[in-house]
Amino acid sequence: MAVKIDLEKCVLCGSCIEECPSDAISVKDEIAIVDEDLCVECGLCVEVCPSEALSLD
């Protein structure tokens, strides 16, 4: 399982970055990226995303 970001829904608000306890989410070139090596699949980012752009697959 890993966190997936729907780039069409993502508005780059930063809520997921602030909430992530393992600092697995970052933005590069205006695109949100999940570092799967750091992600602990806790789902906190999914819960706080206002545009429902994140999911656990």
Protein backbone atom coordinates (compact mmCIF):
# COMPACT_ATOMS: atom_id res chain seq x y z
CA MET A 1 0.00 0.00 0.00
CA ALA A 2 1.16 3.53 -0.69
CA VAL A 3 -0.23 7.04 -0.69
CA LYS A 4 -1.22 8.19 -4.16
CA ILE A 5 -1.75 11.82 -5.16
CA ASP A 6 -4.26 12.77 -7.84
CA LEU A 7 -2.39 15.68 -9.40
CA GLU A 8 -5.55 16.96 -11.10
CA LYS A 9 -7.25 17.37 -7.71
CA CYS A 10 -4.21 18.58 -5.73
CA VAL A 11 -4.25 22.35 -5.09
CA LEU A 12 -0.82 22.41 -3.37
CA CYS A 13 -2.31 23.76 -0.15
CA GLY A 14 0.36 22.06 2.00
CA SER A 15 -2.02 20.49 4.53
CA CYS A 16 -0.63 17.02 3.90
CA ILE A 17 2.96 18.23 4.22
CA GLU A 18 2.23 19.83 7.60
CA GLU A 19 0.39 16.74 8.88
CA CYS A 20 2.83 14.04 7.71
CA PRO A 21 4.75 12.72 10.76
CA SER A 22 7.54 11.24 8.63
CA ASP A 23 8.07 14.20 6.27
CA ALA A 24 7.35 11.93 3.30
CA ILE A 25 5.51 14.55 1.23
CA SER A 26 7.17 17.43 -0.53
CA VAL A 27 6.61 19.73 -3.48
CA LYS A 28 9.00 19.93 -6.38
CA ASP A 29 8.38 22.04 -9.48
CA GLU A 30 4.82 22.67 -8.25
CA ILE A 31 4.06 18.94 -8.03
CA ALA A 32 3.36 17.11 -4.76
CA ILE A 33 5.51 14.01 -4.32
CA VAL A 34 5.37 11.14 -1.81
CA ASP A 35 8.66 9.50 -0.87
CA GLU A 36 7.54 5.89 -0.50
CA ASP A 37 10.67 5.04 1.50
CA LEU A 38 9.67 7.55 4.20
CA CYS A 39 5.89 7.06 4.12
CA VAL A 40 4.56 5.00 7.05
CA GLU A 41 1.06 4.75 5.50
CA CYS A 42 -0.64 6.27 8.54
CA GLY A 43 -3.33 7.98 6.42
CA LEU A 44 -3.18 11.34 8.20
CA CYS A 45 -2.50 13.14 4.92
CA VAL A 46 -5.57 11.52 3.35
CA GLU A 47 -7.74 12.71 6.24
CA VAL A 48 -6.64 16.36 6.07
CA CYS A 49 -6.64 16.86 2.29
CA PRO A 50 -9.40 19.41 1.52
CA SER A 51 -9.56 18.46 -2.17
CA GLU A 52 -9.57 14.68 -1.57
CA ALA A 53 -6.50 14.33 -3.80
CA LEU A 54 -4.81 11.70 -1.63
CA SER A 55 -5.68 8.04 -1.26
CA LEU A 56 -4.15 4.89 0.19
CA ASP A 57 -3.84 2.19 -2.45
